[in-house]
């Protein structure tokens, strides 16, 4: 029950007790008065008119006290409301290849991993209500950030990704399985895995197609991105005498057939990013893919106001008792 939009009562039915006050007034007005009781004999000695105003004051104090106590019982409160917002959102896991070949310099002026990280962060910055998580993989796959809407944490995790963090190799099956395990219990119906790699599956204990079949069973779409130019690319093969990386031109090998099959099985799509611009366009396309409604309910805590009428009511009762104890006839 709201009063002029300023506050409302949690138990408005208690306000029905206010009807007892006029009933009491009528009963008091028409009751038969057989005797007058005084609290002290000194009041009687002072004359019949003495204490008349005190009687009325006591009656008023008692009514006001009862009024405020009943209002307190109804629990007035303010400053709170419940908002239900409907936003568009999906659950996205980003699986990023950290194998040594991601240090190849065919995406100049930076290597593949640095360009990929920059485009991933741009993609994250365009999201507003999606849950995003990160899986890093090479010869093994590890979750860096579970699904969350805490984008600063996700951005920091992407910034910290470095080739060489994990055992070298390319375990595409493990990457899909790890990401799918994070997505399978995600709320909502839309679950997406964006898998970025520059190589051929050569490590891991899980076959990519087996992992893709499990992802399909959980309703997860896999968007594969093959990163690398066409032909030859400078790939690190060791370190030179100065401690820097030593590069050699090697053929770019991406298992596009496998990534295409994985995407097709799960209802996703495969993309080939031959340069930084193409990678940017791919993430822009994925940014526009289908969205599922996510309902977010935000409840603001109420500010309880019952203390004020309760305090006033108690003070009025003490005022009545003090007046009676002083020298007043009881009504």
C-alpha atoms as a PDB file:
ATOM      1  CA  UNK A   1       0.000   0.000   0.000  1.00  0.00           C
ATOM      2  CA  UNK A   2       1.602   3.250  -1.186  1.00  0.00           C
ATOM      3  CA  UNK A   3       0.817   6.710   0.165  1.00  0.00           C
ATOM      4  CA  UNK A   4       1.231   9.455  -2.465  1.00  0.00           C
ATOM      5  CA  UNK A   5       4.260   7.580  -3.777  1.00  0.00           C
ATOM      6  CA  UNK A   6       6.301   8.769  -0.768  1.00  0.00           C
ATOM      7  CA  UNK A   7       6.219   5.584   1.285  1.00  0.00           C
ATOM      8  CA  UNK A   8       4.249   2.386   1.652  1.00  0.00           C
ATOM      9  CA  UNK A   9       3.125   0.036   4.416  1.00  0.00           C
ATOM     10  CA  UNK A  10       4.442  -3.502   4.647  1.00  0.00           C
ATOM     11  CA  UNK A  11       1.417  -4.626   6.745  1.00  0.00           C
ATOM     12  CA  UNK A  12      -1.338  -2.172   5.770  1.00  0.00           C
ATOM     13  CA  UNK A  13      -4.026  -4.383   7.339  1.00  0.00           C
ATOM     14  CA  UNK A  14      -2.828  -3.156  10.721  1.00  0.00           C
ATOM     15  CA  UNK A  15      -4.280   0.259   9.867  1.00  0.00           C
ATOM     16  CA  UNK A  16      -7.777  -1.172  10.371  1.00  0.00           C
ATOM     17  CA  UNK A  17      -7.042  -0.888  14.075  1.00  0.00           C
ATOM     18  CA  UNK A  18      -7.378   2.891  13.695  1.00  0.00           C
ATOM     19  CA  UNK A  19     -11.149   2.350  13.474  1.00  0.00           C
ATOM     20  CA  UNK A  20     -11.097   1.372  17.127  1.00  0.00           C
ATOM     21  CA  UNK A  21     -10.220   4.946  18.078  1.00  0.00           C
ATOM     22  CA  UNK A  22     -13.518   6.580  16.967  1.00  0.00           C
ATOM     23  CA  UNK A  23     -15.361   3.600  18.453  1.00  0.00           C
ATOM     24  CA  UNK A  24     -13.638   4.283  21.738  1.00  0.00           C
ATOM     25  CA  UNK A  25     -14.509   8.007  21.482  1.00  0.00           C
ATOM     26  CA  UNK A  26     -18.203   7.200  21.035  1.00  0.00           C
ATOM     27  CA  UNK A  27     -18.208   4.680  23.889  1.00  0.00           C
ATOM     28  CA  UNK A  28     -16.468   7.168  26.162  1.00  0.00           C
ATOM     29  CA  UNK A  29     -18.915   9.923  25.211  1.00  0.00           C
ATOM     30  CA  UNK A  30     -22.076   7.969  25.932  1.00  0.00           C
ATOM     31  CA  UNK A  31     -20.959   5.754  28.794  1.00  0.00           C
ATOM     32  CA  UNK A  32     -22.613   6.336  32.194  1.00  0.00           C
ATOM     33  CA  UNK A  33     -20.291   8.113  34.610  1.00  0.00           C
ATOM     34  CA  UNK A  34     -21.051   6.883  38.131  1.00  0.00           C
ATOM     35  CA  UNK A  35     -17.935   8.224  39.781  1.00  0.00           C
ATOM     36  CA  UNK A  36     -14.900  10.366  39.269  1.00  0.00           C
ATOM     37  CA  UNK A  37     -11.600   8.916  40.318  1.00  0.00           C
ATOM     38  CA  UNK A  38      -8.696  11.149  41.279  1.00  0.00           C
ATOM     39  CA  UNK A  39      -5.102  10.125  41.439  1.00  0.00           C
ATOM     40  CA  UNK A  40      -4.422  12.264  44.516  1.00  0.00           C
ATOM     41  CA  UNK A  41      -6.612  13.725  47.263  1.00  0.00           C
ATOM     42  CA  UNK A  42      -4.925  17.084  46.747  1.00  0.00           C
ATOM     43  CA  UNK A  43      -6.620  17.328  43.336  1.00  0.00           C
ATOM     44  CA  UNK A  44     -10.049  16.903  44.996  1.00  0.00           C
ATOM     45  CA  UNK A  45      -9.184  19.518  47.603  1.00  0.00           C
ATOM     46  CA  UNK A  46      -8.260  22.075  44.970  1.00  0.00           C
ATOM     47  CA  UNK A  47     -11.759  22.253  43.526  1.00  0.00           C
ATOM     48  CA  UNK A  48     -13.978  20.654  40.858  1.00  0.00           C
ATOM     49  CA  UNK A  49     -12.663  22.670  37.932  1.00  0.00           C
ATOM     50  CA  UNK A  50      -9.038  21.861  38.580  1.00  0.00           C
ATOM     51  CA  UNK A  51      -7.656  19.164  36.309  1.00  0.00           C
ATOM     52  CA  UNK A  52     -10.242  19.547  33.548  1.00  0.00           C
ATOM     53  CA  UNK A  53      -7.657  20.514  30.967  1.00  0.00           C
ATOM     54  CA  UNK A  54      -5.386  17.774  32.261  1.00  0.00           C
ATOM     55  CA  UNK A  55      -8.087  15.196  31.601  1.00  0.00           C
ATOM     56  CA  UNK A  56      -8.446  16.393  28.049  1.00  0.00           C
ATOM     57  CA  UNK A  57      -4.663  16.453  27.593  1.00  0.00           C
ATOM     58  CA  UNK A  58      -4.349  12.876  28.837  1.00  0.00           C
ATOM     59  CA  UNK A  59      -7.123  11.761  26.508  1.00  0.00           C
ATOM     60  CA  UNK A  60      -5.400  13.475  23.564  1.00  0.00           C
ATOM     61  CA  UNK A  61      -1.987  12.030  24.452  1.00  0.00           C
ATOM     62  CA  UNK A  62      -3.408   8.534  24.710  1.00  0.00           C
ATOM     63  CA  UNK A  63      -5.155   8.799  21.328  1.00  0.00           C
ATOM     64  CA  UNK A  64      -2.063  10.167  19.627  1.00  0.00           C
ATOM     65  CA  UNK A  65       0.085   7.471  21.221  1.00  0.00           C
ATOM     66  CA  UNK A  66      -2.261   4.737  19.988  1.00  0.00           C
ATOM     67  CA  UNK A  67      -2.366   6.313  16.536  1.00  0.00           C
ATOM     68  CA  UNK A  68       1.410   6.365  16.148  1.00  0.00           C
ATOM     69  CA  UNK A  69       1.827   2.863  17.590  1.00  0.00           C
ATOM     70  CA  UNK A  70      -0.694   1.485  15.091  1.00  0.00           C
ATOM     71  CA  UNK A  71       1.121   3.280  12.262  1.00  0.00           C
ATOM     72  CA  UNK A  72       4.389   1.743  13.466  1.00  0.00           C
ATOM     73  CA  UNK A  73       2.712  -1.668  13.505  1.00  0.00           C
ATOM     74  CA  UNK A  74       1.811  -1.181   9.818  1.00  0.00           C
ATOM     75  CA  UNK A  75       5.571  -0.779   9.104  1.00  0.00           C
ATOM     76  CA  UNK A  76       5.912   2.237   6.827  1.00  0.00           C
ATOM     77  CA  UNK A  77       8.956   2.130   4.555  1.00  0.00           C
ATOM     78  CA  UNK A  78      10.337   4.072   1.610  1.00  0.00           C
ATOM     79  CA  UNK A  79      13.206   4.447  -0.815  1.00  0.00           C
ATOM     80  CA  UNK A  80      12.947   1.048  -2.441  1.00  0.00           C
ATOM     81  CA  UNK A  81      11.690  -0.421  -5.662  1.00  0.00           C
ATOM     82  CA  UNK A  82      12.171  -3.510  -7.789  1.00  0.00           C
ATOM     83  CA  UNK A  83      13.299  -3.138 -11.397  1.00  0.00           C
ATOM     84  CA  UNK A  84      13.156  -5.914 -13.967  1.00  0.00           C
ATOM     85  CA  UNK A  85      15.449  -5.157 -16.890  1.00  0.00           C
ATOM     86  CA  UNK A  86      15.434  -7.198 -20.076  1.00  0.00           C
ATOM     87  CA  UNK A  87      18.738  -7.035 -21.919  1.00  0.00           C
ATOM     88  CA  UNK A  88      20.236  -8.981 -24.762  1.00  0.00           C
ATOM     89  CA  UNK A  89      23.044 -11.285 -23.706  1.00  0.00           C
ATOM     90  CA  UNK A  90      24.837 -14.516 -24.480  1.00  0.00           C
ATOM     91  CA  UNK A  91      27.380 -16.758 -22.776  1.00  0.00           C
ATOM     92  CA  UNK A  92      30.745 -16.610 -24.544  1.00  0.00           C
ATOM     93  CA  UNK A  93      33.935 -18.552 -23.899  1.00  0.00           C
ATOM     94  CA  UNK A  94      37.058 -17.336 -25.686  1.00  0.00           C
ATOM     95  CA  UNK A  95      39.588 -20.112 -26.363  1.00  0.00           C
ATOM     96  CA  UNK A  96      42.936 -18.596 -27.398  1.00  0.00           C
ATOM     97  CA  UNK A  97      45.901 -20.524 -28.767  1.00  0.00           C
ATOM     98  CA  UNK A  98      49.189 -19.803 -26.938  1.00  0.00           C
ATOM     99  CA  UNK A  99      51.419 -22.192 -28.841  1.00  0.00           C
ATOM    100  CA  UNK A 100      54.870 -20.939 -29.901  1.00  0.00           C
ATOM    101  CA  UNK A 101      53.726 -20.534 -33.521  1.00  0.00           C
ATOM    102  CA  UNK A 102      51.455 -17.686 -32.352  1.00  0.00           C
ATOM    103  CA  UNK A 103      54.679 -15.638 -32.157  1.00  0.00           C
ATOM    104  CA  UNK A 104      54.917 -15.713 -35.971  1.00  0.00           C
ATOM    105  CA  UNK A 105      55.427 -12.256 -37.491  1.00  0.00           C
ATOM    106  CA  UNK A 106      53.009 -12.392 -40.428  1.00  0.00           C
ATOM    107  CA  UNK A 107      50.665  -9.862 -38.747  1.00  0.00           C
ATOM    108  CA  UNK A 108      53.236  -7.067 -38.663  1.00  0.00           C
ATOM    109  CA  UNK A 109      54.093  -4.888 -36.870  1.00  0.00           C
ATOM    110  CA  UNK A 110      53.115  -7.349 -34.110  1.00  0.00           C
ATOM    111  CA  UNK A 111      53.005 -11.112 -33.882  1.00  0.00           C
ATOM    112  CA  UNK A 112      49.809 -13.159 -34.081  1.00  0.00           C
ATOM    113  CA  UNK A 113      49.194 -13.393 -30.351  1.00  0.00           C
ATOM    114  CA  UNK A 114      49.503  -9.636 -29.746  1.00  0.00           C
ATOM    115  CA  UNK A 115      47.180  -8.803 -32.640  1.00  0.00           C
ATOM    116  CA  UNK A 116      44.721 -11.477 -31.496  1.00  0.00           C
ATOM    117  CA  UNK A 117      44.740 -10.108 -27.938  1.00  0.00           C
ATOM    118  CA  UNK A 118      44.110  -6.562 -29.184  1.00  0.00           C
ATOM    119  CA  UNK A 119      41.123  -7.654 -31.292  1.00  0.00           C
ATOM    120  CA  UNK A 120      39.736  -9.824 -28.496  1.00  0.00           C
ATOM    121  CA  UNK A 121      39.867  -6.874 -26.100  1.00  0.00           C
ATOM    122  CA  UNK A 122      38.056  -4.677 -28.622  1.00  0.00           C
ATOM    123  CA  UNK A 123      35.422  -7.395 -28.888  1.00  0.00           C
ATOM    124  CA  UNK A 124      35.046  -7.558 -25.101  1.00  0.00           C
ATOM    125  CA  UNK A 125      34.756  -3.772 -24.830  1.00  0.00           C
ATOM    126  CA  UNK A 126      31.747  -3.845 -27.151  1.00  0.00           C
ATOM    127  CA  UNK A 127      29.828  -6.242 -24.926  1.00  0.00           C
ATOM    128  CA  UNK A 128      27.448  -4.932 -22.275  1.00  0.00           C
ATOM    129  CA  UNK A 129      25.427  -7.777 -20.783  1.00  0.00           C
ATOM    130  CA  UNK A 130      27.159 -10.943 -21.992  1.00  0.00           C
ATOM    131  CA  UNK A 131      28.946 -13.351 -19.707  1.00  0.00           C
ATOM    132  CA  UNK A 132      32.482 -13.911 -20.971  1.00  0.00           C
ATOM    133  CA  UNK A 133      35.170 -16.386 -19.970  1.00  0.00           C
ATOM    134  CA  UNK A 134      38.672 -17.205 -21.214  1.00  0.00           C
ATOM    135  CA  UNK A 135      40.412 -20.517 -21.878  1.00  0.00           C
ATOM    136  CA  UNK A 136      44.095 -20.561 -22.848  1.00  0.00           C
ATOM    137  CA  UNK A 137      45.461 -23.599 -24.642  1.00  0.00           C
ATOM    138  CA  UNK A 138      48.589 -24.947 -26.235  1.00  0.00           C
ATOM    139  CA  UNK A 139      49.625 -28.549 -25.462  1.00  0.00           C
ATOM    140  CA  UNK A 140      47.045 -28.373 -22.662  1.00  0.00           C
ATOM    141  CA  UNK A 141      43.993 -26.223 -21.917  1.00  0.00           C
ATOM    142  CA  UNK A 142      43.347 -24.197 -18.770  1.00  0.00           C
ATOM    143  CA  UNK A 143      40.523 -21.862 -17.753  1.00  0.00           C
ATOM    144  CA  UNK A 144      41.870 -18.377 -17.101  1.00  0.00           C
ATOM    145  CA  UNK A 145      38.535 -16.736 -16.226  1.00  0.00           C
ATOM    146  CA  UNK A 146      35.167 -18.501 -15.793  1.00  0.00           C
ATOM    147  CA  UNK A 147      32.031 -16.902 -17.225  1.00  0.00           C
ATOM    148  CA  UNK A 148      31.542 -13.448 -15.738  1.00  0.00           C
ATOM    149  CA  UNK A 149      30.273  -9.949 -16.506  1.00  0.00           C
ATOM    150  CA  UNK A 150      33.276  -8.436 -14.714  1.00  0.00           C
ATOM    151  CA  UNK A 151      34.861  -7.194 -17.933  1.00  0.00           C
ATOM    152  CA  UNK A 152      37.909  -5.520 -16.326  1.00  0.00           C
ATOM    153  CA  UNK A 153      38.917  -8.926 -14.944  1.00  0.00           C
ATOM    154  CA  UNK A 154      38.460 -10.544 -18.357  1.00  0.00           C
ATOM    155  CA  UNK A 155      40.454  -7.799 -20.083  1.00  0.00           C
ATOM    156  CA  UNK A 156      43.292  -8.160 -17.593  1.00  0.00           C
ATOM    157  CA  UNK A 157      43.364 -11.927 -18.096  1.00  0.00           C
ATOM    158  CA  UNK A 158      43.611 -11.469 -21.869  1.00  0.00           C
ATOM    159  CA  UNK A 159      46.405  -8.916 -21.432  1.00  0.00           C
ATOM    160  CA  UNK A 160      48.350 -11.414 -19.322  1.00  0.00           C
ATOM    161  CA  UNK A 161      48.241 -14.161 -21.964  1.00  0.00           C
ATOM    162  CA  UNK A 162      51.682 -14.997 -23.327  1.00  0.00           C
ATOM    163  CA  UNK A 163      52.946 -17.689 -25.650  1.00  0.00           C
ATOM    164  CA  UNK A 164      55.033 -20.139 -23.641  1.00  0.00           C
ATOM    165  CA  UNK A 165      52.809 -20.065 -20.541  1.00  0.00           C
ATOM    166  CA  UNK A 166      51.694 -23.621 -21.257  1.00  0.00           C
ATOM    167  CA  UNK A 167      53.365 -26.740 -22.560  1.00  0.00           C
ATOM    168  CA  UNK A 168      53.860 -26.233 -26.281  1.00  0.00           C
ATOM    169  CA  UNK A 169      51.623 -27.855 -28.869  1.00  0.00           C
ATOM    170  CA  UNK A 170      48.066 -27.431 -30.121  1.00  0.00           C
ATOM    171  CA  UNK A 171      45.386 -29.344 -28.199  1.00  0.00           C
ATOM    172  CA  UNK A 172      42.234 -28.185 -29.985  1.00  0.00           C
ATOM    173  CA  UNK A 173      40.102 -31.013 -28.582  1.00  0.00           C
ATOM    174  CA  UNK A 174      41.077 -30.194 -25.001  1.00  0.00           C
ATOM    175  CA  UNK A 175      40.348 -26.511 -25.613  1.00  0.00           C
ATOM    176  CA  UNK A 176      36.842 -27.275 -26.873  1.00  0.00           C
ATOM    177  CA  UNK A 177      36.152 -29.685 -24.015  1.00  0.00           C
ATOM    178  CA  UNK A 178      37.401 -27.258 -21.339  1.00  0.00           C
ATOM    179  CA  UNK A 179      35.343 -24.380 -22.702  1.00  0.00           C
ATOM    180  CA  UNK A 180      32.266 -26.577 -23.171  1.00  0.00           C
ATOM    181  CA  UNK A 181      32.526 -27.701 -19.560  1.00  0.00           C
ATOM    182  CA  UNK A 182      32.299 -24.039 -18.492  1.00  0.00           C
ATOM    183  CA  UNK A 183      29.398 -23.318 -20.829  1.00  0.00           C
ATOM    184  CA  UNK A 184      27.204 -26.354 -20.254  1.00  0.00           C
ATOM    185  CA  UNK A 185      25.613 -25.096 -17.016  1.00  0.00           C
ATOM    186  CA  UNK A 186      25.498 -21.423 -18.014  1.00  0.00           C
ATOM    187  CA  UNK A 187      22.078 -19.761 -17.584  1.00  0.00           C
ATOM    188  CA  UNK A 188      20.122 -18.902 -20.697  1.00  0.00           C
ATOM    189  CA  UNK A 189      19.889 -20.729 -23.996  1.00  0.00           C
ATOM    190  CA  UNK A 190      22.652 -19.037 -25.985  1.00  0.00           C
ATOM    191  CA  UNK A 191      26.132 -20.536 -25.515  1.00  0.00           C
ATOM    192  CA  UNK A 192      29.013 -19.706 -27.824  1.00  0.00           C
ATOM    193  CA  UNK A 193      32.650 -20.770 -28.036  1.00  0.00           C
ATOM    194  CA  UNK A 194      35.038 -18.652 -30.114  1.00  0.00           C
ATOM    195  CA  UNK A 195      38.101 -20.788 -30.819  1.00  0.00           C
ATOM    196  CA  UNK A 196      41.192 -19.014 -32.166  1.00  0.00           C
ATOM    197  CA  UNK A 197      44.134 -21.092 -33.346  1.00  0.00           C
ATOM    198  CA  UNK A 198      46.917 -21.038 -35.937  1.00  0.00           C
ATOM    199  CA  UNK A 199      47.790 -24.691 -36.160  1.00  0.00           C
ATOM    200  CA  UNK A 200      46.900 -28.350 -36.427  1.00  0.00           C
ATOM    201  CA  UNK A 201      45.696 -30.495 -33.545  1.00  0.00           C
ATOM    202  CA  UNK A 202      48.766 -32.429 -32.399  1.00  0.00           C
ATOM    203  CA  UNK A 203      48.429 -32.743 -28.636  1.00  0.00           C
ATOM    204  CA  UNK A 204      45.840 -33.454 -25.983  1.00  0.00           C
ATOM    205  CA  UNK A 205      43.851 -36.447 -24.798  1.00  0.00           C
ATOM    206  CA  UNK A 206      40.526 -35.520 -26.429  1.00  0.00           C
ATOM    207  CA  UNK A 207      39.784 -35.694 -30.129  1.00  0.00           C
ATOM    208  CA  UNK A 208      38.390 -32.400 -31.467  1.00  0.00           C
ATOM    209  CA  UNK A 209      35.375 -34.014 -33.160  1.00  0.00           C
ATOM    210  CA  UNK A 210      34.511 -35.909 -29.973  1.00  0.00           C
ATOM    211  CA  UNK A 211      34.681 -32.658 -28.008  1.00  0.00           C
ATOM    212  CA  UNK A 212      32.600 -30.926 -30.698  1.00  0.00           C
ATOM    213  CA  UNK A 213      29.926 -33.610 -30.416  1.00  0.00           C
ATOM    214  CA  UNK A 214      29.746 -33.012 -26.658  1.00  0.00           C
ATOM    215  CA  UNK A 215      29.512 -29.264 -27.266  1.00  0.00           C
ATOM    216  CA  UNK A 216      26.677 -29.857 -29.700  1.00  0.00           C
ATOM    217  CA  UNK A 217      24.835 -31.899 -27.060  1.00  0.00           C
ATOM    218  CA  UNK A 218      24.991 -28.930 -24.698  1.00  0.00           C
ATOM    219  CA  UNK A 219      23.726 -26.532 -27.352  1.00  0.00           C
ATOM    220  CA  UNK A 220      27.098 -24.782 -27.744  1.00  0.00           C
ATOM    221  CA  UNK A 221      27.949 -23.121 -31.046  1.00  0.00           C
ATOM    222  CA  UNK A 222      31.609 -23.142 -31.970  1.00  0.00           C
ATOM    223  CA  UNK A 223      32.970 -20.277 -34.068  1.00  0.00           C
ATOM    224  CA  UNK A 224      36.421 -21.234 -35.298  1.00  0.00           C
ATOM    225  CA  UNK A 225      39.024 -18.685 -36.363  1.00  0.00           C
ATOM    226  CA  UNK A 226      42.135 -19.786 -38.213  1.00  0.00           C
ATOM    227  CA  UNK A 227      44.882 -17.194 -37.735  1.00  0.00           C
ATOM    228  CA  UNK A 228      47.742 -16.909 -40.221  1.00  0.00           C
ATOM    229  CA  UNK A 229      48.693 -15.642 -43.625  1.00  0.00           C
ATOM    230  CA  UNK A 230      48.785 -17.802 -46.745  1.00  0.00           C
ATOM    231  CA  UNK A 231      52.046 -19.415 -47.808  1.00  0.00           C
ATOM    232  CA  UNK A 232      55.163 -18.860 -45.723  1.00  0.00           C
ATOM    233  CA  UNK A 233      55.518 -16.936 -42.463  1.00  0.00           C
ATOM    234  CA  UNK A 234      58.423 -16.138 -40.118  1.00  0.00           C
ATOM    235  CA  UNK A 235      57.991 -18.551 -37.215  1.00  0.00           C
ATOM    236  CA  UNK A 236      60.229 -18.740 -34.103  1.00  0.00           C
ATOM    237  CA  UNK A 237      62.362 -21.874 -34.059  1.00  0.00           C
ATOM    238  CA  UNK A 238      64.677 -21.101 -31.146  1.00  0.00           C
ATOM    239  CA  UNK A 239      66.827 -18.388 -29.629  1.00  0.00           C
ATOM    240  CA  UNK A 240      69.921 -16.696 -30.976  1.00  0.00           C
ATOM    241  CA  UNK A 241      73.130 -15.899 -29.136  1.00  0.00           C
ATOM    242  CA  UNK A 242      71.684 -12.649 -27.799  1.00  0.00           C
ATOM    243  CA  UNK A 243      68.728 -14.435 -26.201  1.00  0.00           C
ATOM    244  CA  UNK A 244      66.224 -13.167 -28.730  1.00  0.00           C
ATOM    245  CA  UNK A 245      63.952 -15.329 -30.852  1.00  0.00           C
ATOM    246  CA  UNK A 246      65.364 -16.815 -34.046  1.00  0.00           C
ATOM    247  CA  UNK A 247      62.895 -16.939 -36.917  1.00  0.00           C
ATOM    248  CA  UNK A 248      62.689 -19.047 -40.028  1.00  0.00           C
ATOM    249  CA  UNK A 249      60.146 -18.965 -42.838  1.00  0.00           C
ATOM    250  CA  UNK A 250      57.889 -21.983 -42.611  1.00  0.00           C
ATOM    251  CA  UNK A 251      54.630 -22.916 -44.325  1.00  0.00           C
ATOM    252  CA  UNK A 252      51.446 -21.801 -42.581  1.00  0.00           C
ATOM    253  CA  UNK A 253      49.472 -24.905 -41.683  1.00  0.00           C
ATOM    254  CA  UNK A 254      45.951 -24.594 -40.290  1.00  0.00           C
ATOM    255  CA  UNK A 255      43.591 -27.560 -40.194  1.00  0.00           C
ATOM    256  CA  UNK A 256      40.732 -25.664 -41.816  1.00  0.00           C
ATOM    257  CA  UNK A 257      38.849 -28.847 -42.647  1.00  0.00           C
ATOM    258  CA  UNK A 258      38.754 -29.831 -38.975  1.00  0.00           C
ATOM    259  CA  UNK A 259      37.724 -26.352 -37.802  1.00  0.00           C
ATOM    260  CA  UNK A 260      35.019 -26.200 -40.482  1.00  0.00           C
ATOM    261  CA  UNK A 261      33.654 -29.591 -39.409  1.00  0.00           C
ATOM    262  CA  UNK A 262      33.599 -28.545 -35.746  1.00  0.00           C
ATOM    263  CA  UNK A 263      31.756 -25.338 -36.612  1.00  0.00           C
ATOM    264  CA  UNK A 264      29.262 -27.118 -38.877  1.00  0.00           C
ATOM    265  CA  UNK A 265      28.531 -29.820 -36.295  1.00  0.00           C
ATOM    266  CA  UNK A 266      27.648 -27.252 -33.646  1.00  0.00           C
ATOM    267  CA  UNK A 267      25.768 -24.763 -35.825  1.00  0.00           C
ATOM    268  CA  UNK A 268      28.601 -22.247 -35.827  1.00  0.00           C
ATOM    269  CA  UNK A 269      30.898 -20.986 -38.553  1.00  0.00           C
ATOM    270  CA  UNK A 270      34.565 -21.084 -39.502  1.00  0.00           C
ATOM    271  CA  UNK A 271      36.564 -17.984 -40.472  1.00  0.00           C
ATOM    272  CA  UNK A 272      40.058 -17.511 -41.839  1.00  0.00           C
ATOM    273  CA  UNK A 273      41.937 -14.425 -40.628  1.00  0.00           C
ATOM    274  CA  UNK A 274      44.853 -13.766 -42.989  1.00  0.00           C
ATOM    275  CA  UNK A 275      45.695 -10.399 -41.457  1.00  0.00           C
ATOM    276  CA  UNK A 276      44.750  -8.040 -38.636  1.00  0.00           C
ATOM    277  CA  UNK A 277      41.982  -6.366 -40.639  1.00  0.00           C
ATOM    278  CA  UNK A 278      40.348  -9.697 -41.422  1.00  0.00           C
ATOM    279  CA  UNK A 279      40.503 -10.693 -37.755  1.00  0.00           C
ATOM    280  CA  UNK A 280      38.837  -7.393 -36.833  1.00  0.00           C
ATOM    281  CA  UNK A 281      36.034  -8.033 -39.342  1.00  0.00           C
ATOM    282  CA  UNK A 282      35.495 -11.538 -38.012  1.00  0.00           C
ATOM    283  CA  UNK A 283      35.015 -10.350 -34.450  1.00  0.00           C
ATOM    284  CA  UNK A 284      32.717  -7.571 -35.707  1.00  0.00           C
ATOM    285  CA  UNK A 285      30.585 -10.185 -37.452  1.00  0.00           C
ATOM    286  CA  UNK A 286      30.423 -12.404 -34.379  1.00  0.00           C
ATOM    287  CA  UNK A 287      29.516  -9.301 -32.367  1.00  0.00           C
ATOM    288  CA  UNK A 288      26.309  -9.073 -34.431  1.00  0.00           C
ATOM    289  CA  UNK A 289      25.298 -12.726 -34.071  1.00  0.00           C
ATOM    290  CA  UNK A 290      22.000 -13.806 -32.531  1.00  0.00           C
ATOM    291  CA  UNK A 291      21.268 -12.814 -28.954  1.00  0.00           C
ATOM    292  CA  UNK A 292      19.008 -14.371 -26.343  1.00  0.00           C
ATOM    293  CA  UNK A 293      17.106 -12.298 -23.745  1.00  0.00           C
ATOM    294  CA  UNK A 294      18.602 -12.259 -20.262  1.00  0.00           C
ATOM    295  CA  UNK A 295      16.301 -11.081 -17.453  1.00  0.00           C
ATOM    296  CA  UNK A 296      18.067  -9.248 -14.653  1.00  0.00           C
ATOM    297  CA  UNK A 297      16.100  -8.355 -11.530  1.00  0.00           C
ATOM    298  CA  UNK A 298      17.575  -5.686  -9.269  1.00  0.00           C
ATOM    299  CA  UNK A 299      16.031  -5.149  -5.837  1.00  0.00           C
ATOM    300  CA  UNK A 300      16.910  -2.051  -3.838  1.00  0.00           C
ATOM    301  CA  UNK A 301      16.680  -2.448  -0.069  1.00  0.00           C
ATOM    302  CA  UNK A 302      13.808  -0.673   1.679  1.00  0.00           C
ATOM    303  CA  UNK A 303      14.444   2.038   4.254  1.00  0.00           C
ATOM    304  CA  UNK A 304      12.311   1.165   7.276  1.00  0.00           C
ATOM    305  CA  UNK A 305      10.413   4.122   8.773  1.00  0.00           C
ATOM    306  CA  UNK A 306       8.471   2.385  11.564  1.00  0.00           C
ATOM    307  CA  UNK A 307      11.010   3.501  14.182  1.00  0.00           C
ATOM    308  CA  UNK A 308       9.853   7.117  14.000  1.00  0.00           C
ATOM    309  CA  UNK A 309       6.134   6.562  14.766  1.00  0.00           C
ATOM    310  CA  UNK A 310       7.169   3.959  17.350  1.00  0.00           C
ATOM    311  CA  UNK A 311       9.434   6.431  19.128  1.00  0.00           C
ATOM    312  CA  UNK A 312       6.766   9.162  18.986  1.00  0.00           C
ATOM    313  CA  UNK A 313       4.112   6.766  20.295  1.00  0.00           C
ATOM    314  CA  UNK A 314       6.293   5.637  23.208  1.00  0.00           C
ATOM    315  CA  UNK A 315       7.185   9.236  24.077  1.00  0.00           C
ATOM    316  CA  UNK A 316       3.488  10.160  24.090  1.00  0.00           C
ATOM    317  CA  UNK A 317       2.740   7.246  26.430  1.00  0.00           C
ATOM    318  CA  UNK A 318       5.499   8.387  28.769  1.00  0.00           C
ATOM    319  CA  UNK A 319       4.050  11.888  28.556  1.00  0.00           C
ATOM    320  CA  UNK A 320       0.622  10.588  29.590  1.00  0.00           C
ATOM    321  CA  UNK A 321       2.092   8.587  32.478  1.00  0.00           C
ATOM    322  CA  UNK A 322       4.097  11.583  33.630  1.00  0.00           C
ATOM    323  CA  UNK A 323       1.001  13.795  33.547  1.00  0.00           C
ATOM    324  CA  UNK A 324      -1.039  11.245  35.502  1.00  0.00           C
ATOM    325  CA  UNK A 325       1.729  10.773  38.050  1.00  0.00           C
ATOM    326  CA  UNK A 326       2.055  14.502  38.480  1.00  0.00           C
ATOM    327  CA  UNK A 327      -1.509  15.438  39.481  1.00  0.00           C
ATOM    328  CA  UNK A 328      -4.175  14.458  37.081  1.00  0.00           C
ATOM    329  CA  UNK A 329      -7.559  12.822  37.435  1.00  0.00           C
ATOM    330  CA  UNK A 330      -7.836   9.590  35.549  1.00  0.00           C
ATOM    331  CA  UNK A 331     -10.398   9.827  32.712  1.00  0.00           C
END
